[in-house]
């Protein structure tokens, strides 16, 4: 079991953010469980060494790859230790909401409503059943171990720079199973509270089914052939129109420098985002980088095209206004469901007129 745990632990460690937090919390909760089960102590510690060995072996390829490509095996963390090959403090800060004590205690409300957690909000129904975690018999050591894991994971997750909901998946999976145990215990009982729980569960399941149909109605039309995939993507994906232009009109070997946009899913061309930068050194200096210097860098790297996006009402990630040497090839606007306008332009670097 220890070797298998090491193998799967190695796979988890290969997932940068989730991996480190999961293994940290799991090892402490496993140590607690082992210490409470005296009969398992000798067998557990005997298998600990091969487990750790296999964990290192199965995660080694990821860290070796990061070291070869980025110069930092723990990229994007510990950038200062590895000669600035990593995120700046400011960049990491953009990924989370902060580390205040009040932020930690208001976490359930933020997960329900706050857009700054990456837009993957859980919704009311999940938090509605969260109290059922406390309605189960937790005298068993396995539940105590799970509680330790969940608390440690939440604290570690909240303390990292990348505070996004998708990295909470290991905790949500365990919480869902514990909530299920609590619900099952209450459903099996008799009385007004049991009837209330059954009614609540049926109502949430029915409303969830209706929401699934509502939110996926357009996708279902595409699956049934009532609407083309291109029509669907043009309406639903803000970058599809400009990416389609790039695929249809720019050379196959073209490299696109993307400024102001991270959702580049449909472009069948090599691209580099402004956030990543051309090299670690240039990325670290991007705040002081001038537009004229940027063109010189792009010419140096033989990049001929720029995809430029500005979100209406927000400052551009990097301003190209008044810059000579750019030829406008294409422009379009996209208005999302919230009424936010995104303006896209595709430029070719050449001797052209100012923007």
Protein backbone atom coordinates (compact mmCIF):
# COMPACT_ATOMS: atom_id res chain seq x y z
CA UNK A 1 0.00 0.00 0.00
CA UNK A 2 2.88 2.38 0.78
CA UNK A 3 4.41 1.89 -2.69
CA UNK A 4 1.04 2.52 -4.37
CA UNK A 5 0.53 5.59 -2.18
CA UNK A 6 4.00 6.78 -3.21
CA UNK A 7 3.23 6.29 -6.92
CA UNK A 8 -0.04 8.21 -6.75
CA UNK A 9 1.57 10.78 -4.46
CA UNK A 10 4.20 11.30 -7.16
CA UNK A 11 1.47 11.90 -9.74
CA UNK A 12 -0.16 14.43 -7.41
CA UNK A 13 3.17 16.18 -6.82
CA UNK A 14 3.44 16.63 -10.60
CA UNK A 15 0.41 18.95 -10.41
CA UNK A 16 2.23 22.04 -9.21
CA UNK A 17 -0.14 23.85 -6.88
CA UNK A 18 -2.47 21.08 -5.75
CA UNK A 19 0.35 18.57 -5.44
CA UNK A 20 2.46 20.25 -2.82
CA UNK A 21 -0.52 21.18 -0.65
CA UNK A 22 -2.13 17.74 -0.93
CA UNK A 23 0.98 15.76 -0.04
CA UNK A 24 1.79 18.10 2.86
CA UNK A 25 -1.68 17.74 4.38
CA UNK A 26 -1.95 14.02 3.62
CA UNK A 27 1.37 13.12 5.26
CA UNK A 28 0.46 14.91 8.50
CA UNK A 29 -3.03 13.37 8.64
CA UNK A 30 -1.55 9.93 7.84
CA UNK A 31 1.00 10.38 10.64
CA UNK A 32 -1.82 11.20 13.05
CA UNK A 33 -3.79 8.12 11.99
CA UNK A 34 -0.69 5.92 12.35
CA UNK A 35 0.07 7.18 15.84
CA UNK A 36 -3.49 6.46 16.96
CA UNK A 37 -3.35 2.90 15.60
CA UNK A 38 -0.60 1.18 17.58
CA UNK A 39 -0.91 -2.07 15.66
CA UNK A 40 -0.07 -0.25 12.43
CA UNK A 41 2.99 1.66 13.65
CA UNK A 42 5.66 -0.91 12.81
CA UNK A 43 4.15 -1.86 9.45
CA UNK A 44 3.52 1.76 8.45
CA UNK A 45 7.00 3.08 9.21
CA UNK A 46 8.51 0.03 7.52
CA UNK A 47 6.71 0.96 4.30
CA UNK A 48 7.38 4.68 4.60
CA UNK A 49 10.83 4.65 2.95
CA UNK A 50 9.81 2.86 -0.30
CA UNK A 51 6.68 5.04 -0.42
CA UNK A 52 8.73 8.25 -0.33
CA UNK A 53 11.20 6.78 -2.85
CA UNK A 54 8.46 6.01 -5.39
CA UNK A 55 6.90 9.43 -4.79
CA UNK A 56 10.20 11.08 -5.73
CA UNK A 57 10.70 8.82 -8.77
CA UNK A 58 7.24 9.45 -10.20
CA UNK A 59 7.37 13.23 -9.69
CA UNK A 60 11.02 13.68 -10.70
CA UNK A 61 10.32 14.05 -14.43
CA UNK A 62 8.12 17.11 -13.85
CA UNK A 63 10.69 18.98 -11.75
CA UNK A 64 13.52 18.03 -14.11
CA UNK A 65 11.50 19.41 -17.03
CA UNK A 66 10.80 22.65 -15.12
CA UNK A 67 14.50 23.01 -14.31
CA UNK A 68 15.61 22.44 -17.93
CA UNK A 69 13.01 24.79 -19.46
CA UNK A 70 12.57 27.43 -16.74
CA UNK A 71 15.80 27.16 -14.74
CA UNK A 72 13.76 26.55 -11.60
CA UNK A 73 12.48 23.08 -10.60
CA UNK A 74 9.78 24.66 -8.41
CA UNK A 75 8.67 27.26 -10.99
CA UNK A 76 6.91 29.66 -10.49
CA UNK A 77 7.81 29.60 -6.77
CA UNK A 78 11.13 30.52 -5.09
CA UNK A 79 12.11 32.73 -8.02
CA UNK A 80 14.68 34.69 -6.00
CA UNK A 81 16.44 31.49 -4.94
CA UNK A 82 16.78 30.36 -8.56
CA UNK A 83 18.11 33.63 -10.02
CA UNK A 84 14.74 35.33 -10.63
CA UNK A 85 13.32 32.40 -12.62
CA UNK A 86 9.78 32.63 -11.26
CA UNK A 87 6.83 34.85 -10.49
CA UNK A 88 7.25 38.29 -9.08
CA UNK A 89 5.47 38.99 -5.81
CA UNK A 90 3.09 41.33 -7.61
CA UNK A 91 2.18 38.74 -10.23
CA UNK A 92 1.44 36.11 -7.60
CA UNK A 93 -0.66 38.58 -5.66
CA UNK A 94 -3.01 38.94 -8.62
CA UNK A 95 -3.97 35.27 -8.28
CA UNK A 96 -5.54 35.51 -4.82
CA UNK A 97 -7.58 37.74 -2.55
CA UNK A 98 -5.05 38.19 0.22
CA UNK A 99 -4.04 36.43 3.40
CA UNK A 100 -5.90 38.35 6.11
CA UNK A 101 -7.57 36.60 9.05
CA UNK A 102 -10.90 38.23 8.17
CA UNK A 103 -10.53 36.90 4.63
CA UNK A 104 -10.06 33.39 6.00
CA UNK A 105 -13.21 33.48 8.15
CA UNK A 106 -15.28 35.07 5.36
CA UNK A 107 -14.10 32.38 2.94
CA UNK A 108 -17.49 30.58 2.60
CA UNK A 109 -19.19 33.82 1.56
CA UNK A 110 -16.35 34.69 -0.83
CA UNK A 111 -16.47 31.26 -2.43
CA UNK A 112 -20.18 31.75 -2.98
CA UNK A 113 -20.11 35.28 -4.40
CA UNK A 114 -16.61 36.60 -5.07
CA UNK A 115 -15.37 36.74 -8.68
CA UNK A 116 -11.73 37.10 -7.56
CA UNK A 117 -11.47 33.37 -6.90
CA UNK A 118 -11.32 32.64 -10.63
CA UNK A 119 -15.03 32.62 -11.42
CA UNK A 120 -15.56 28.99 -10.37
CA UNK A 121 -18.07 29.77 -7.61
CA UNK A 122 -19.65 26.78 -5.86
CA UNK A 123 -23.18 28.11 -5.61
CA UNK A 124 -25.73 28.04 -2.82
CA UNK A 125 -26.54 24.32 -2.90
CA UNK A 126 -23.07 23.13 -1.90
CA UNK A 127 -22.83 25.50 1.06
CA UNK A 128 -26.44 24.66 1.99
CA UNK A 129 -25.47 21.06 2.80
CA UNK A 130 -22.10 21.89 4.38
CA UNK A 131 -23.54 21.78 7.96
CA UNK A 132 -24.23 18.05 7.50
CA UNK A 133 -20.49 17.54 7.97
CA UNK A 134 -21.13 18.11 11.69
CA UNK A 135 -24.10 15.69 11.88
CA UNK A 136 -22.13 12.45 11.63
CA UNK A 137 -20.45 10.25 14.21
CA UNK A 138 -16.87 11.50 14.19
CA UNK A 139 -15.53 9.25 16.92
CA UNK A 140 -13.83 7.08 14.31
CA UNK A 141 -10.17 7.89 13.72
CA UNK A 142 -10.69 7.97 9.94
CA UNK A 143 -13.01 10.99 10.27
CA UNK A 144 -10.55 12.71 12.60
CA UNK A 145 -7.77 12.13 10.07
CA UNK A 146 -9.93 13.54 7.28
CA UNK A 147 -10.71 16.60 9.40
CA UNK A 148 -6.99 17.20 9.96
CA UNK A 149 -6.34 16.86 6.22
CA UNK A 150 -9.16 19.24 5.29
CA UNK A 151 -8.16 21.92 7.82
CA UNK A 152 -4.46 21.76 6.90
CA UNK A 153 -5.25 21.81 3.19
CA UNK A 154 -7.56 24.82 3.53
CA UNK A 155 -4.98 26.77 5.53
CA UNK A 156 -2.16 25.90 3.11
CA UNK A 157 -4.37 26.68 0.10
CA UNK A 158 -5.38 30.04 1.54
CA UNK A 159 -1.76 30.93 2.31
CA UNK A 160 -0.51 30.35 -1.25
CA UNK A 161 -0.50 32.92 -4.03
CA UNK A 162 -2.77 30.87 -6.30
CA UNK A 163 -6.05 31.04 -4.35
CA UNK A 164 -8.44 29.65 -6.97
CA UNK A 165 -11.34 27.29 -6.47
CA UNK A 166 -10.14 24.54 -8.78
CA UNK A 167 -7.25 23.85 -6.40
CA UNK A 168 -9.80 23.00 -3.69
CA UNK A 169 -10.89 19.84 -5.55
CA UNK A 170 -9.22 17.33 -3.15
CA UNK A 171 -11.03 18.93 -0.20
CA UNK A 172 -14.37 19.19 -2.03
CA UNK A 173 -14.24 15.49 -2.90
CA UNK A 174 -13.72 14.49 0.74
CA UNK A 175 -16.28 16.99 2.02
CA UNK A 176 -18.84 15.69 -0.47
CA UNK A 177 -18.42 12.13 0.83
CA UNK A 178 -18.71 13.28 4.46
CA UNK A 179 -21.77 15.41 3.60
CA UNK A 180 -23.25 12.33 1.92
CA UNK A 181 -22.75 10.32 5.13
CA UNK A 182 -24.45 13.05 7.14
CA UNK A 183 -27.38 13.24 4.71
CA UNK A 184 -27.79 9.46 4.71
CA UNK A 185 -27.95 9.35 8.51
CA UNK A 186 -30.63 12.06 8.61
CA UNK A 187 -32.70 10.52 5.80
CA UNK A 188 -32.83 7.15 7.59
CA UNK A 189 -34.30 8.77 10.70
CA UNK A 190 -37.95 9.64 11.25
CA UNK A 191 -39.45 12.95 12.21
CA UNK A 192 -39.96 16.51 10.92
CA UNK A 193 -36.25 17.20 10.40
CA UNK A 194 -35.84 14.07 8.28
CA UNK A 195 -38.81 15.10 6.12
CA UNK A 196 -37.30 18.59 5.77
CA UNK A 197 -33.94 17.12 4.68
CA UNK A 198 -35.60 14.85 2.10
CA UNK A 199 -37.65 17.75 0.70
CA UNK A 200 -34.60 20.02 0.59
CA UNK A 201 -32.49 17.37 -1.16
CA UNK A 202 -35.21 16.65 -3.73
CA UNK A 203 -35.67 20.38 -4.40
CA UNK A 204 -31.94 20.99 -4.87
CA UNK A 205 -31.59 17.98 -7.20
CA UNK A 206 -34.58 19.11 -9.29
CA UNK A 207 -33.39 22.73 -9.49
CA UNK A 208 -29.87 21.50 -10.33
CA UNK A 209 -31.23 19.40 -13.18
CA UNK A 210 -33.16 22.41 -14.54
CA UNK A 211 -30.03 24.59 -14.33
CA UNK A 212 -27.96 21.97 -16.15
CA UNK A 213 -30.47 21.95 -19.01
CA UNK A 214 -30.69 25.77 -19.03
CA UNK A 215 -26.93 26.41 -19.05
CA UNK A 216 -26.21 23.69 -21.60
CA UNK A 217 -29.14 24.24 -23.95
CA UNK A 218 -26.95 25.90 -26.58
CA UNK A 219 -24.33 23.16 -26.33
CA UNK A 220 -27.07 20.55 -26.73
CA UNK A 221 -28.20 22.28 -29.94
CA UNK A 222 -24.67 21.91 -31.33
CA UNK A 223 -24.55 18.23 -30.33
CA UNK A 224 -27.89 17.61 -32.06
CA UNK A 225 -26.78 19.46 -35.19
CA UNK A 226 -29.29 22.30 -34.82
CA UNK A 227 -26.47 24.85 -34.70
CA UNK A 228 -22.96 24.77 -36.16
CA UNK A 229 -19.91 24.65 -33.89
CA UNK A 230 -18.57 27.83 -35.50
CA UNK A 231 -21.78 29.79 -34.80
CA UNK A 232 -21.75 28.61 -31.20
CA UNK A 233 -18.10 29.57 -30.64
CA UNK A 234 -18.52 32.96 -32.32
CA UNK A 235 -21.28 33.78 -29.84
CA UNK A 236 -19.87 32.15 -26.69
CA UNK A 237 -16.07 32.55 -26.95
CA UNK A 238 -14.77 36.10 -27.03
CA UNK A 239 -11.48 35.25 -28.78
CA UNK A 240 -12.81 32.84 -31.40
CA UNK A 241 -13.42 35.44 -34.14
CA UNK A 242 -9.94 36.97 -33.95
CA UNK A 243 -8.29 33.55 -33.58
CA UNK A 244 -10.21 32.28 -36.59
CA UNK A 245 -8.87 35.23 -38.61
CA UNK A 246 -5.32 34.40 -37.52
CA UNK A 247 -5.71 30.74 -38.52
CA UNK A 248 -7.20 31.65 -41.89
CA UNK A 249 -4.83 34.48 -42.86
CA UNK A 250 -1.47 34.29 -41.11
CA UNK A 251 1.37 31.92 -42.13
CA UNK A 252 1.54 28.48 -40.50
CA UNK A 253 4.99 29.20 -39.07
CA UNK A 254 3.96 32.59 -37.62
CA UNK A 255 4.53 33.32 -33.92
CA UNK A 256 1.97 35.63 -32.31
CA UNK A 257 2.78 37.90 -29.39
CA UNK A 258 -0.42 38.19 -27.30
CA UNK A 259 -1.01 41.30 -25.17
CA UNK A 260 -3.97 41.69 -22.82
CA UNK A 261 -5.57 38.26 -23.30
CA UNK A 262 -5.08 34.86 -21.67
CA UNK A 263 -7.93 32.89 -23.27
CA UNK A 264 -6.16 31.77 -26.45
CA UNK A 265 -7.71 28.31 -26.91
CA UNK A 266 -8.54 28.03 -30.60
CA UNK A 267 -5.55 29.55 -32.37
CA UNK A 268 -3.54 26.94 -34.27
CA UNK A 269 -0.38 29.04 -34.18
CA UNK A 270 2.57 29.32 -31.84
CA UNK A 271 2.12 32.23 -29.44
CA UNK A 272 3.76 33.92 -26.45
CA UNK A 273 1.72 35.94 -23.96
CA UNK A 274 2.86 39.27 -22.59
CA UNK A 275 2.42 37.92 -19.05
CA UNK A 276 4.96 35.16 -19.76
CA UNK A 277 7.33 37.44 -21.64
CA UNK A 278 10.05 36.45 -24.07
CA UNK A 279 12.53 35.56 -21.33
CA UNK A 280 12.43 35.70 -17.56
CA UNK A 281 14.59 38.83 -17.58
CA UNK A 282 12.29 40.67 -20.01
CA UNK A 283 9.19 39.59 -18.11
CA UNK A 284 10.56 40.91 -14.85
CA UNK A 285 11.21 44.29 -16.48
CA UNK A 286 7.90 44.55 -18.33
CA UNK A 287 6.60 47.41 -16.15
CA UNK A 288 9.45 49.65 -17.31
CA UNK A 289 9.51 48.24 -20.85
CA UNK A 290 8.73 50.87 -23.50
CA UNK A 291 6.75 50.13 -26.65
CA UNK A 292 9.71 51.00 -28.88
CA UNK A 293 11.92 48.57 -26.96
CA UNK A 294 9.24 45.89 -27.21
CA UNK A 295 9.32 46.06 -31.02
CA UNK A 296 13.09 45.70 -30.98
CA UNK A 297 12.75 42.61 -28.77
CA UNK A 298 10.08 41.12 -31.04
CA UNK A 299 12.29 41.68 -34.08
CA UNK A 300 15.16 40.04 -32.22
CA UNK A 301 13.01 36.95 -31.62
CA UNK A 302 11.67 37.08 -35.22
CA UNK A 303 8.08 37.65 -34.11
CA UNK A 304 6.10 39.49 -36.78
CA UNK A 305 2.55 39.61 -35.39
CA UNK A 306 0.81 41.04 -32.32
CA UNK A 307 -2.66 40.13 -31.00
CA UNK A 308 -3.71 43.11 -28.88
CA UNK A 309 -6.72 43.19 -26.54
CA UNK A 310 -8.14 46.02 -24.46
CA UNK A 311 -11.06 45.54 -22.10
CA UNK A 312 -13.36 48.56 -22.07
CA UNK A 313 -13.23 50.39 -18.75
CA UNK A 314 -9.84 48.89 -17.80
CA UNK A 315 -6.31 50.07 -18.35
CA UNK A 316 -4.48 48.16 -21.11
CA UNK A 317 -1.88 45.62 -20.00
CA UNK A 318 0.60 47.40 -22.28
CA UNK A 319 -0.07 50.50 -24.38
CA UNK A 320 0.81 50.59 -28.08
CA UNK A 321 -0.74 54.00 -28.71
CA UNK A 322 1.21 56.29 -31.05
CA UNK A 323 3.75 53.61 -31.95
CA UNK A 324 5.22 53.54 -35.46
CA UNK A 325 6.00 50.32 -37.29
CA UNK A 326 2.69 48.47 -36.94
CA UNK A 327 0.28 47.57 -39.74
CA UNK A 328 -3.32 46.89 -38.68
CA UNK A 329 -4.57 43.63 -40.24
CA UNK A 330 -7.82 43.00 -38.37
CA UNK A 331 -10.01 44.39 -35.60
CA UNK A 332 -13.23 43.27 -33.91
CA UNK A 333 -15.23 43.74 -30.71
CA UNK A 334 -16.88 41.18 -28.44
CA UNK A 335 -19.55 41.95 -25.82
CA UNK A 336 -19.97 39.26 -23.16
CA UNK A 337 -23.10 38.40 -21.16
CA UNK A 338 -22.20 40.95 -18.49
CA UNK A 339 -22.02 43.73 -21.09
CA UNK A 340 -18.23 44.04 -20.97
CA UNK A 341 -16.66 44.98 -24.33
CA UNK A 342 -13.37 43.44 -25.47
CA UNK A 343 -11.56 45.14 -28.36
CA UNK A 344 -9.18 42.98 -30.41
CA UNK A 345 -6.61 44.05 -33.00
CA UNK A 346 -4.09 42.06 -35.01
CA UNK A 347 -0.94 43.90 -36.12
CA UNK A 348 1.94 43.04 -38.38
CA UNK A 349 5.24 44.57 -37.38
CA UNK A 350 6.38 46.63 -40.35
CA UNK A 351 7.06 50.21 -41.36
CA UNK A 352 3.54 51.59 -41.05
CA UNK A 353 1.64 54.61 -39.77
CA UNK A 354 1.13 55.39 -36.08
CA UNK A 355 -1.88 53.75 -34.41
